[in-house]
Amino acid sequence: MTTPPNDNTPQWGQPSPQGEDPSTGPKFGTEAYNPQAFGGPVEEPAKFRSLKIFTLVSGGLFLISGVMMLLMFNNDSFREAMIDDLMTTYQEMGVAMERTEVESVYGWFSTGTTIFVLVLLGIYALVYFGLRANKNWARILGIIFAIISIVFSVLGFAMGEINLSMLISLVWLGVNVYWLVLAFNSEVADYLFQHKR
């Protein structure tokens, strides 16, 4: 004669005590399967800290270069020389312009340069504070900005003369190249990717 099953013993197909589903519990000492688990969080890599530091270094060099350029535009001797060059250029093109008109063109050019410097400094701030907030879009924006800056820097070296401003721009170019190396680093990309989830 067989012993009848105990009513308190869970049968196959019946829920386990306390309403728990045995399929979700730990098996053989392992943790329950969690489809949302991607491993532990990635700690901030040293190269990401370097990326933020070199963002500030690049921005500082650009600020120095921009201030020097604006001071040069407001220098009286440089201003007069540029206006003379512009008048000569217009005469060679067969365009008759009064000196006052050329001075107005130079004024607009100087104002546009000031706005350009301020906009780029704003982009630097956006990238830096975006990186501080662990935003991957800041890395992407910085990559685009750095590539464009490198291209225009190389073109400027090809057409310009060697001076202090050119040397600062050369250092700035090297910093931007290294910034790109850090930005494309897999550790940096993985660290920022985890903050997208």
N, C-alpha and C. Protein backbone atom coordinates (compact mmCIF):
# COMPACT_ATOMS: atom_id res chain seq x y z
N MET A 1 0.86 -1.18 0.00
CA MET A 1 0.00 0.00 0.00
C MET A 1 0.90 1.23 0.00
N THR A 2 0.59 2.20 -0.90
CA THR A 2 1.39 3.43 -0.98
C THR A 2 0.85 4.46 -0.02
N THR A 3 1.76 5.36 0.38
CA THR A 3 1.37 6.44 1.30
C THR A 3 0.79 7.59 0.50
N PRO A 4 -0.37 8.07 0.85
CA PRO A 4 -0.98 9.19 0.11
C PRO A 4 -0.13 10.45 0.26
N PRO A 5 -0.10 11.29 -0.76
CA PRO A 5 0.72 12.51 -0.68
C PRO A 5 0.24 13.44 0.41
N ASN A 6 1.22 14.08 1.02
CA ASN A 6 0.92 15.06 2.05
C ASN A 6 0.32 16.30 1.39
N ASP A 7 -0.79 16.77 1.96
CA ASP A 7 -1.47 17.94 1.38
C ASP A 7 -0.63 19.19 1.44
N ASN A 8 0.36 19.22 2.36
CA ASN A 8 1.20 20.42 2.51
C ASN A 8 2.38 20.44 1.55
N THR A 9 2.57 19.33 0.80
CA THR A 9 3.70 19.27 -0.12
C THR A 9 3.28 19.79 -1.49
N PRO A 10 4.01 20.82 -2.04
CA PRO A 10 3.62 21.36 -3.35
C PRO A 10 3.75 20.29 -4.42
N GLN A 11 2.78 20.19 -5.30
CA GLN A 11 2.78 19.25 -6.40
C GLN A 11 3.29 19.95 -7.65
N TRP A 12 3.69 19.12 -8.64
CA TRP A 12 4.13 19.70 -9.92
C TRP A 12 3.00 20.52 -10.54
N GLY A 13 3.37 21.72 -11.04
CA GLY A 13 2.35 22.57 -11.66
C GLY A 13 1.63 23.44 -10.67
N GLN A 14 1.90 23.27 -9.37
CA GLN A 14 1.26 24.11 -8.36
C GLN A 14 2.27 25.11 -7.85
N PRO A 15 1.81 26.29 -7.46
CA PRO A 15 2.74 27.31 -6.93
C PRO A 15 3.35 26.86 -5.63
N SER A 16 4.56 27.29 -5.38
CA SER A 16 5.24 26.96 -4.14
C SER A 16 4.67 27.79 -3.01
N PRO A 17 5.02 27.47 -1.77
CA PRO A 17 4.49 28.22 -0.62
C PRO A 17 4.81 29.70 -0.74
N GLN A 18 4.03 30.51 -0.11
CA GLN A 18 4.10 31.97 -0.12
C GLN A 18 3.89 32.54 -1.52
N GLY A 19 3.30 31.74 -2.42
CA GLY A 19 2.97 32.23 -3.76
C GLY A 19 4.18 32.48 -4.64
N GLU A 20 5.36 31.92 -4.33
CA GLU A 20 6.55 32.15 -5.13
C GLU A 20 6.61 31.17 -6.28
N ASP A 21 7.11 31.62 -7.40
CA ASP A 21 7.29 30.78 -8.57
C ASP A 21 8.67 30.14 -8.48
N PRO A 22 8.77 28.82 -8.36
CA PRO A 22 10.08 28.19 -8.19
C PRO A 22 11.01 28.40 -9.37
N SER A 23 10.46 28.74 -10.55
CA SER A 23 11.31 28.92 -11.73
C SER A 23 12.13 30.18 -11.65
N THR A 24 11.72 31.12 -10.74
CA THR A 24 12.44 32.38 -10.64
C THR A 24 13.42 32.38 -9.49
N GLY A 25 13.44 31.37 -8.70
CA GLY A 25 14.32 31.32 -7.54
C GLY A 25 15.72 30.90 -7.93
N PRO A 26 16.65 31.00 -6.98
CA PRO A 26 18.01 30.60 -7.27
C PRO A 26 18.12 29.10 -7.50
N LYS A 27 18.97 28.69 -8.41
CA LYS A 27 19.20 27.30 -8.74
C LYS A 27 20.63 26.93 -8.38
N PHE A 28 20.77 25.93 -7.56
CA PHE A 28 22.07 25.40 -7.21
C PHE A 28 23.01 26.48 -6.69
N GLY A 29 22.50 27.37 -5.88
CA GLY A 29 23.33 28.39 -5.25
C GLY A 29 23.59 29.61 -6.10
N THR A 30 22.98 29.71 -7.31
CA THR A 30 23.20 30.87 -8.17
C THR A 30 22.07 31.86 -7.98
N GLU A 31 22.29 33.10 -8.45
CA GLU A 31 21.26 34.12 -8.36
C GLU A 31 20.19 33.88 -9.42
N ALA A 32 19.01 34.39 -9.14
CA ALA A 32 17.92 34.27 -10.12
C ALA A 32 18.27 35.04 -11.38
N TYR A 33 17.80 34.55 -12.52
CA TYR A 33 18.08 35.20 -13.80
C TYR A 33 17.40 36.55 -13.87
N ASN A 34 18.17 37.55 -14.22
CA ASN A 34 17.62 38.90 -14.36
C ASN A 34 17.94 39.39 -15.76
N PRO A 35 16.96 39.49 -16.65
CA PRO A 35 17.25 39.90 -18.03
C PRO A 35 17.76 41.31 -18.14
N GLN A 36 17.60 42.13 -17.08
CA GLN A 36 18.05 43.51 -17.13
C GLN A 36 19.49 43.67 -16.65
N ALA A 37 20.08 42.56 -16.19
CA ALA A 37 21.42 42.64 -15.62
C ALA A 37 22.46 42.70 -16.73
N PHE A 38 23.33 43.73 -16.71
CA PHE A 38 24.40 43.87 -17.69
C PHE A 38 25.76 43.83 -17.01
N GLY A 39 25.84 43.37 -15.82
CA GLY A 39 27.09 43.43 -15.08
C GLY A 39 27.12 44.67 -14.22
N GLY A 40 28.13 44.77 -13.40
CA GLY A 40 28.24 45.91 -12.51
C GLY A 40 28.57 47.19 -13.26
N PRO A 41 28.33 48.32 -12.63
CA PRO A 41 28.62 49.60 -13.28
C PRO A 41 30.11 49.78 -13.51
N VAL A 42 30.46 50.41 -14.63
CA VAL A 42 31.85 50.67 -14.98
C VAL A 42 32.32 51.90 -14.21
N GLU A 43 33.42 51.77 -13.49
CA GLU A 43 33.95 52.90 -12.75
C GLU A 43 34.55 53.93 -13.72
N GLU A 44 34.59 55.18 -13.27
CA GLU A 44 35.11 56.24 -14.12
C GLU A 44 36.58 55.97 -14.45
N PRO A 45 36.91 55.75 -15.73
CA PRO A 45 38.30 55.46 -16.09
C PRO A 45 39.17 56.71 -16.01
N ALA A 46 40.46 56.49 -15.84
CA ALA A 46 41.39 57.61 -15.75
C ALA A 46 41.41 58.42 -17.04
N LYS A 47 41.20 57.76 -18.17
CA LYS A 47 41.22 58.48 -19.45
C LYS A 47 40.02 59.41 -19.59
N PHE A 48 38.93 59.08 -18.92
CA PHE A 48 37.78 60.00 -18.96
C PHE A 48 38.08 61.25 -18.14
N ARG A 49 38.77 61.08 -17.02
CA ARG A 49 39.18 62.25 -16.23
C ARG A 49 40.15 63.11 -17.05
N SER A 50 41.06 62.44 -17.78
CA SER A 50 41.98 63.18 -18.63
C SER A 50 41.24 63.91 -19.74
N LEU A 51 40.18 63.30 -20.27
CA LEU A 51 39.38 63.93 -21.32
C LEU A 51 38.79 65.25 -20.82
N LYS A 52 38.28 65.25 -19.60
CA LYS A 52 37.71 66.48 -19.05
C LYS A 52 38.79 67.53 -18.81
N ILE A 53 39.96 67.09 -18.34
CA ILE A 53 41.05 68.03 -18.10
C ILE A 53 41.52 68.66 -19.41
N PHE A 54 41.67 67.84 -20.44
CA PHE A 54 42.15 68.36 -21.72
C PHE A 54 41.09 69.20 -22.44
N THR A 55 39.83 69.01 -22.07
CA THR A 55 38.79 69.93 -22.57
C THR A 55 39.05 71.33 -22.05
N LEU A 56 39.39 71.42 -20.77
CA LEU A 56 39.71 72.72 -20.16
C LEU A 56 41.00 73.30 -20.74
N VAL A 57 42.00 72.43 -20.95
CA VAL A 57 43.27 72.90 -21.51
C VAL A 57 43.06 73.47 -22.92
N SER A 58 42.32 72.74 -23.74
CA SER A 58 42.04 73.21 -25.10
C SER A 58 41.25 74.51 -25.08
N GLY A 59 40.26 74.58 -24.19
CA GLY A 59 39.47 75.80 -24.08
C GLY A 59 40.30 76.97 -23.61
N GLY A 60 41.22 76.72 -22.67
CA GLY A 60 42.09 77.80 -22.19
C GLY A 60 43.01 78.32 -23.28
N LEU A 61 43.59 77.40 -24.07
CA LEU A 61 44.46 77.83 -25.17
C LEU A 61 43.68 78.61 -26.22
N PHE A 62 42.45 78.17 -26.49
CA PHE A 62 41.63 78.91 -27.46
C PHE A 62 41.29 80.30 -26.93
N LEU A 63 41.03 80.39 -25.62
CA LEU A 63 40.72 81.70 -25.02
C LEU A 63 41.90 82.64 -25.15
N ILE A 64 43.11 82.14 -24.88
CA ILE A 64 44.30 82.97 -25.01
C ILE A 64 44.48 83.43 -26.46
N SER A 65 44.32 82.49 -27.39
CA SER A 65 44.46 82.83 -28.81
C SER A 65 43.39 83.82 -29.24
N GLY A 66 42.17 83.62 -28.76
CA GLY A 66 41.07 84.53 -29.13
C GLY A 66 41.28 85.93 -28.59
N VAL A 67 41.74 86.05 -27.34
CA VAL A 67 41.99 87.37 -26.75
C VAL A 67 43.11 88.08 -27.52
N MET A 68 44.16 87.34 -27.87
CA MET A 68 45.26 87.94 -28.64
C MET A 68 44.76 88.44 -29.99
N MET A 69 43.90 87.67 -30.62
CA MET A 69 43.37 88.06 -31.93
C MET A 69 42.50 89.31 -31.81
N LEU A 70 41.66 89.39 -30.77
CA LEU A 70 40.80 90.55 -30.59
C LEU A 70 41.62 91.80 -30.26
N LEU A 71 42.67 91.64 -29.44
CA LEU A 71 43.55 92.77 -29.14
C LEU A 71 44.24 93.26 -30.40
N MET A 72 44.62 92.33 -31.25
CA MET A 72 45.29 92.70 -32.51
C MET A 72 44.34 93.49 -33.41
N PHE A 73 43.08 93.06 -33.47
CA PHE A 73 42.11 93.77 -34.31
C PHE A 73 41.84 95.19 -33.80
N ASN A 74 42.00 95.39 -32.51
CA ASN A 74 41.74 96.70 -31.94
C ASN A 74 43.00 97.56 -31.84
N ASN A 75 44.13 97.04 -32.32
CA ASN A 75 45.36 97.82 -32.36
C ASN A 75 45.29 98.81 -33.53
N ASP A 76 45.60 100.07 -33.26
CA ASP A 76 45.44 101.12 -34.28
C ASP A 76 46.30 100.88 -35.51
N SER A 77 47.57 100.52 -35.30
CA SER A 77 48.46 100.31 -36.45
C SER A 77 48.01 99.12 -37.29
N PHE A 78 47.58 98.04 -36.61
CA PHE A 78 47.09 96.88 -37.35
C PHE A 78 45.81 97.23 -38.10
N ARG A 79 44.96 98.01 -37.43
CA ARG A 79 43.69 98.40 -38.04
C ARG A 79 43.93 99.21 -39.32
N GLU A 80 44.84 100.19 -39.26
CA GLU A 80 45.12 101.02 -40.42
C GLU A 80 45.73 100.20 -41.55
N ALA A 81 46.62 99.28 -41.19
CA ALA A 81 47.26 98.44 -42.21
C ALA A 81 46.22 97.54 -42.89
N MET A 82 45.29 96.99 -42.11
CA MET A 82 44.26 96.14 -42.69
C MET A 82 43.32 96.93 -43.59
N ILE A 83 42.98 98.13 -43.19
CA ILE A 83 42.10 98.96 -44.01
C ILE A 83 42.79 99.32 -45.32
N ASP A 84 44.10 99.64 -45.25
CA ASP A 84 44.85 99.94 -46.48
C ASP A 84 44.87 98.72 -47.41
N ASP A 85 45.08 97.55 -46.83
CA ASP A 85 45.09 96.32 -47.64
C ASP A 85 43.73 96.07 -48.28
N LEU A 86 42.66 96.33 -47.53
CA LEU A 86 41.32 96.13 -48.06
C LEU A 86 41.03 97.11 -49.21
N MET A 87 41.45 98.36 -49.05
CA MET A 87 41.24 99.34 -50.12
C MET A 87 42.02 98.95 -51.37
N THR A 88 43.23 98.45 -51.20
CA THR A 88 44.02 98.01 -52.35
C THR A 88 43.34 96.83 -53.05
N THR A 89 42.82 95.92 -52.26
CA THR A 89 42.14 94.75 -52.82
C THR A 89 40.90 95.17 -53.61
N TYR A 90 40.11 96.08 -53.04
CA TYR A 90 38.91 96.55 -53.74
C TYR A 90 39.27 97.28 -55.03
N GLN A 91 40.35 98.08 -55.03
CA GLN A 91 40.77 98.79 -56.22
C GLN A 91 41.22 97.82 -57.31
N GLU A 92 41.93 96.77 -56.91
CA GLU A 92 42.37 95.76 -57.90
C GLU A 92 41.18 95.02 -58.50
N MET A 93 40.09 94.90 -57.71
CA MET A 93 38.88 94.25 -58.21
C MET A 93 38.01 95.20 -59.00
N GLY A 94 38.42 96.48 -59.08
CA GLY A 94 37.64 97.47 -59.82
C GLY A 94 36.43 97.98 -59.07
N VAL A 95 36.44 97.83 -57.72
CA VAL A 95 35.33 98.29 -56.89
C VAL A 95 35.74 99.61 -56.23
N ALA A 96 34.97 100.65 -56.52
CA ALA A 96 35.27 101.97 -55.95
C ALA A 96 34.59 102.09 -54.59
N MET A 97 35.39 102.25 -53.54
CA MET A 97 34.84 102.39 -52.19
C MET A 97 35.59 103.49 -51.46
N GLU A 98 34.83 104.26 -50.71
CA GLU A 98 35.43 105.29 -49.87
C GLU A 98 36.09 104.63 -48.65
N ARG A 99 37.04 105.36 -48.06
CA ARG A 99 37.74 104.81 -46.90
C ARG A 99 36.76 104.57 -45.74
N THR A 100 35.80 105.45 -45.60
CA THR A 100 34.82 105.27 -44.51
C THR A 100 34.03 103.96 -44.69
N GLU A 101 33.76 103.61 -45.95
CA GLU A 101 33.04 102.36 -46.22
C GLU A 101 33.91 101.15 -45.87
N VAL A 102 35.19 101.25 -46.20
CA VAL A 102 36.11 100.16 -45.88
C VAL A 102 36.27 100.04 -44.37
N GLU A 103 36.29 101.16 -43.67
CA GLU A 103 36.37 101.13 -42.20
C GLU A 103 35.14 100.45 -41.61
N SER A 104 33.99 100.67 -42.24
CA SER A 104 32.77 100.02 -41.78
C SER A 104 32.85 98.51 -41.99
N VAL A 105 33.40 98.10 -43.13
CA VAL A 105 33.57 96.67 -43.40
C VAL A 105 34.50 96.05 -42.36
N TYR A 106 35.58 96.75 -42.05
CA TYR A 106 36.52 96.25 -41.04
C TYR A 106 35.84 96.15 -39.67
N GLY A 107 34.99 97.11 -39.36
CA GLY A 107 34.26 97.08 -38.09
C GLY A 107 33.35 95.86 -37.99
N TRP A 108 32.64 95.57 -39.09
CA TRP A 108 31.78 94.39 -39.10
C TRP A 108 32.59 93.11 -38.97
N PHE A 109 33.75 93.09 -39.62
CA PHE A 109 34.62 91.92 -39.55
C PHE A 109 35.13 91.70 -38.11
N SER A 110 35.50 92.80 -37.46
CA SER A 110 35.97 92.70 -36.08
C SER A 110 34.87 92.24 -35.14
N THR A 111 33.66 92.75 -35.35
CA THR A 111 32.52 92.34 -34.52
C THR A 111 32.19 90.86 -34.76
N GLY A 112 32.23 90.43 -36.02
CA GLY A 112 31.96 89.04 -36.33
C GLY A 112 32.97 88.11 -35.69
N THR A 113 34.24 88.54 -35.65
CA THR A 113 35.28 87.73 -35.01
C THR A 113 35.02 87.59 -33.52
N THR A 114 34.60 88.67 -32.88
CA THR A 114 34.27 88.63 -31.45
C THR A 114 33.14 87.64 -31.17
N ILE A 115 32.10 87.71 -31.99
CA ILE A 115 30.97 86.79 -31.83
C ILE A 115 31.41 85.35 -32.04
N PHE A 116 32.27 85.14 -33.03
CA PHE A 116 32.79 83.80 -33.32
C PHE A 116 33.53 83.22 -32.12
N VAL A 117 34.38 84.03 -31.50
CA VAL A 117 35.14 83.57 -30.33
C VAL A 117 34.21 83.23 -29.18
N LEU A 118 33.20 84.06 -28.94
CA LEU A 118 32.26 83.81 -27.84
C LEU A 118 31.43 82.54 -28.08
N VAL A 119 31.03 82.32 -29.34
CA VAL A 119 30.25 81.12 -29.65
C VAL A 119 31.08 79.86 -29.41
N LEU A 120 32.34 79.88 -29.83
CA LEU A 120 33.18 78.71 -29.63
C LEU A 120 33.48 78.47 -28.16
N LEU A 121 33.64 79.53 -27.39
CA LEU A 121 33.82 79.36 -25.95
C LEU A 121 32.56 78.75 -25.32
N GLY A 122 31.40 79.13 -25.84
CA GLY A 122 30.15 78.52 -25.38
C GLY A 122 30.08 77.04 -25.69
N ILE A 123 30.60 76.65 -26.86
CA ILE A 123 30.64 75.22 -27.22
C ILE A 123 31.57 74.47 -26.27
N TYR A 124 32.71 75.08 -25.96
CA TYR A 124 33.62 74.46 -24.99
C TYR A 124 32.92 74.21 -23.66
N ALA A 125 32.19 75.23 -23.18
CA ALA A 125 31.48 75.09 -21.90
C ALA A 125 30.43 73.99 -21.99
N LEU A 126 29.74 73.93 -23.12
CA LEU A 126 28.70 72.90 -23.30
C LEU A 126 29.31 71.51 -23.26
N VAL A 127 30.43 71.32 -23.94
CA VAL A 127 31.09 70.01 -23.97
C VAL A 127 31.60 69.65 -22.58
N TYR A 128 32.25 70.60 -21.91
CA TYR A 128 32.84 70.29 -20.61
C TYR A 128 31.78 69.92 -19.57
N PHE A 129 30.76 70.75 -19.45
CA PHE A 129 29.73 70.46 -18.44
C PHE A 129 28.89 69.24 -18.84
N GLY A 130 28.77 68.98 -20.14
CA GLY A 130 28.12 67.75 -20.58
C GLY A 130 28.91 66.52 -20.17
N LEU A 131 30.25 66.60 -20.31
CA LEU A 131 31.09 65.48 -19.88
C LEU A 131 31.05 65.31 -18.36
N ARG A 132 31.00 66.41 -17.64
CA ARG A 132 30.90 66.31 -16.18
C ARG A 132 29.61 65.62 -15.75
N ALA A 133 28.58 65.79 -16.57
CA ALA A 133 27.29 65.13 -16.29
C ALA A 133 27.22 63.73 -16.92
N ASN A 134 28.36 63.26 -17.46
CA ASN A 134 28.44 61.92 -18.06
C ASN A 134 27.48 61.76 -19.24
N LYS A 135 27.40 62.76 -20.09
CA LYS A 135 26.54 62.72 -21.26
C LYS A 135 27.35 62.35 -22.50
N ASN A 136 26.92 61.30 -23.19
CA ASN A 136 27.64 60.86 -24.38
C ASN A 136 27.52 61.86 -25.52
N TRP A 137 26.44 62.63 -25.57
CA TRP A 137 26.29 63.62 -26.64
C TRP A 137 27.39 64.68 -26.54
N ALA A 138 27.87 64.94 -25.33
CA ALA A 138 28.95 65.92 -25.17
C ALA A 138 30.24 65.40 -25.81
N ARG A 139 30.50 64.10 -25.68
CA ARG A 139 31.67 63.50 -26.33
C ARG A 139 31.54 63.59 -27.84
N ILE A 140 30.35 63.30 -28.37
CA ILE A 140 30.13 63.35 -29.82
C ILE A 140 30.26 64.78 -30.34
N LEU A 141 29.67 65.74 -29.61
CA LEU A 141 29.79 67.15 -30.01
C LEU A 141 31.24 67.59 -29.99
N GLY A 142 31.98 67.17 -28.96
CA GLY A 142 33.39 67.51 -28.88
C GLY A 142 34.20 66.91 -30.02
N ILE A 143 33.87 65.68 -30.40
CA ILE A 143 34.58 65.04 -31.52
C ILE A 143 34.37 65.83 -32.81
N ILE A 144 33.12 66.20 -33.08
CA ILE A 144 32.83 66.98 -34.30
C ILE A 144 33.56 68.32 -34.28
N PHE A 145 33.48 68.98 -33.14
CA PHE A 145 34.12 70.30 -32.98
C PHE A 145 35.64 70.19 -33.13
N ALA A 146 36.24 69.15 -32.53
CA ALA A 146 37.69 68.99 -32.59
C ALA A 146 38.16 68.71 -34.02
N ILE A 147 37.43 67.87 -34.75
CA ILE A 147 37.81 67.56 -36.13
C ILE A 147 37.76 68.81 -37.00
N ILE A 148 36.69 69.59 -36.87
CA ILE A 148 36.57 70.84 -37.65
C ILE A 148 37.70 71.79 -37.29
N SER A 149 38.00 71.90 -36.00
CA SER A 149 39.06 72.81 -35.55
C SER A 149 40.41 72.40 -36.11
N ILE A 150 40.68 71.09 -36.12
CA ILE A 150 41.96 70.60 -36.65
C ILE A 150 42.10 70.92 -38.14
N VAL A 151 41.02 70.72 -38.89
CA VAL A 151 41.06 71.00 -40.33
C VAL A 151 41.36 72.47 -40.59
N PHE A 152 40.66 73.38 -39.88
CA PHE A 152 40.88 74.81 -40.10
C PHE A 152 42.25 75.25 -39.59
N SER A 153 42.75 74.59 -38.54
CA SER A 153 44.08 74.93 -38.02
C SER A 153 45.15 74.59 -39.05
N VAL A 154 45.03 73.41 -39.66
CA VAL A 154 46.00 73.00 -40.68
C VAL A 154 45.98 73.96 -41.86
N LEU A 155 44.78 74.38 -42.28
CA LEU A 155 44.67 75.35 -43.38
C LEU A 155 45.28 76.68 -42.99
N GLY A 156 45.10 77.08 -41.72
CA GLY A 156 45.68 78.33 -41.25
C GLY A 156 47.20 78.28 -41.23
N PHE A 157 47.78 77.14 -40.85
CA PHE A 157 49.23 77.00 -40.85
C PHE A 157 49.79 77.10 -42.27
N ALA A 158 49.05 76.60 -43.22
CA ALA A 158 49.52 76.61 -44.61
C ALA A 158 49.57 78.02 -45.19
N MET A 159 48.71 78.91 -44.67
CA MET A 159 48.61 80.26 -45.24
C MET A 159 49.22 81.33 -44.34
N GLY A 160 49.51 81.00 -43.08
CA GLY A 160 49.97 82.01 -42.13
C GLY A 160 51.47 82.05 -41.97
N GLU A 161 51.92 83.04 -41.19
CA GLU A 161 53.32 83.21 -40.88
C GLU A 161 53.59 82.73 -39.46
N ILE A 162 54.83 82.35 -39.18
CA ILE A 162 55.19 81.87 -37.87
C ILE A 162 55.28 83.05 -36.90
N ASN A 163 54.46 83.04 -35.87
CA ASN A 163 54.49 84.05 -34.83
C ASN A 163 53.99 83.42 -33.53
N LEU A 164 53.86 84.24 -32.48
CA LEU A 164 53.44 83.70 -31.19
C LEU A 164 52.05 83.09 -31.27
N SER A 165 51.14 83.77 -31.96
CA SER A 165 49.79 83.24 -32.11
C SER A 165 49.79 81.90 -32.84
N MET A 166 50.67 81.78 -33.83
CA MET A 166 50.77 80.53 -34.58
C MET A 166 51.30 79.41 -33.70
N LEU A 167 52.26 79.72 -32.82
CA LEU A 167 52.81 78.71 -31.92
C LEU A 167 51.75 78.22 -30.93
N ILE A 168 50.95 79.16 -30.42
CA ILE A 168 49.86 78.78 -29.51
C ILE A 168 48.86 77.89 -30.24
N SER A 169 48.56 78.25 -31.48
CA SER A 169 47.63 77.44 -32.27
C SER A 169 48.20 76.05 -32.53
N LEU A 170 49.53 75.96 -32.67
CA LEU A 170 50.15 74.66 -32.90
C LEU A 170 50.01 73.77 -31.67
N VAL A 171 50.21 74.36 -30.48
CA VAL A 171 50.01 73.60 -29.24
C VAL A 171 48.55 73.21 -29.10
N TRP A 172 47.65 74.12 -29.43
CA TRP A 172 46.20 73.87 -29.38
C TRP A 172 45.83 72.71 -30.30
N LEU A 173 46.48 72.67 -31.49
CA LEU A 173 46.23 71.58 -32.44
C LEU A 173 46.64 70.24 -31.83
N GLY A 174 47.82 70.20 -31.20
CA GLY A 174 48.28 68.96 -30.58
C GLY A 174 47.36 68.50 -29.45
N VAL A 175 46.88 69.45 -28.66
CA VAL A 175 45.95 69.11 -27.57
C VAL A 175 44.66 68.53 -28.13
N ASN A 176 44.16 69.12 -29.21
CA ASN A 176 42.91 68.63 -29.81
C ASN A 176 43.07 67.23 -30.41
N VAL A 177 44.24 66.96 -30.97
CA VAL A 177 44.49 65.61 -31.51
C VAL A 177 44.47 64.60 -30.37
N TYR A 178 45.15 64.93 -29.25
CA TYR A 178 45.16 64.01 -28.12
C TYR A 178 43.77 63.88 -27.50
N TRP A 179 43.00 64.97 -27.53
CA TRP A 179 41.63 64.93 -27.03
C TRP A 179 40.81 63.91 -27.83
N LEU A 180 41.01 63.89 -29.15
CA LEU A 180 40.30 62.92 -29.98
C LEU A 180 40.70 61.49 -29.63
N VAL A 181 41.99 61.28 -29.36
CA VAL A 181 42.45 59.94 -28.98
C VAL A 181 41.74 59.48 -27.71
N LEU A 182 41.62 60.38 -26.74
CA LEU A 182 40.92 60.05 -25.49
C LEU A 182 39.43 59.82 -25.74
N ALA A 183 38.83 60.66 -26.58
CA ALA A 183 37.38 60.57 -26.82
C ALA A 183 36.99 59.28 -27.53
N PHE A 184 37.89 58.75 -28.37
CA PHE A 184 37.60 57.52 -29.09
C PHE A 184 38.02 56.27 -28.31
N ASN A 185 38.58 56.46 -27.13
CA ASN A 185 39.00 55.32 -26.32
C ASN A 185 37.79 54.48 -25.92
N SER A 186 37.92 53.16 -25.98
CA SER A 186 36.80 52.26 -25.70
C SER A 186 36.35 52.35 -24.24
N GLU A 187 37.29 52.56 -23.31
CA GLU A 187 36.92 52.67 -21.90
C GLU A 187 36.02 53.89 -21.67
N VAL A 188 36.37 54.99 -22.32
CA VAL A 188 35.56 56.21 -22.19
C VAL A 188 34.18 56.00 -22.80
N ALA A 189 34.15 55.38 -23.98
CA ALA A 189 32.86 55.14 -24.65
C ALA A 189 31.97 54.22 -23.82
N ASP A 190 32.55 53.14 -23.26
CA ASP A 190 31.77 52.22 -22.45
C ASP A 190 31.24 52.88 -21.18
N TYR A 191 32.07 53.73 -20.58
CA TYR A 191 31.66 54.41 -19.35
C TYR A 191 30.47 55.33 -19.61
N LEU A 192 30.53 56.08 -20.71
CA LEU A 192 29.42 56.99 -21.02
C LEU A 192 28.20 56.23 -21.50
N PHE A 193 28.42 55.08 -22.16
CA PHE A 193 27.29 54.30 -22.66
C PHE A 193 26.42 53.79 -21.52
N GLN A 194 27.03 53.42 -20.40
CA GLN A 194 26.24 52.88 -19.28
C GLN A 194 25.28 53.93 -18.70
N HIS A 195 25.61 55.21 -18.90
CA HIS A 195 24.75 56.26 -18.36
C HIS A 195 23.57 56.56 -19.29
N LYS A 196 23.55 55.93 -20.45
CA LYS A 196 22.40 56.10 -21.36
C LYS A 196 21.24 55.22 -20.95
N ARG A 197 21.50 54.17 -20.13
CA ARG A 197 20.44 53.23 -19.75
C ARG A 197 19.68 53.78 -18.57
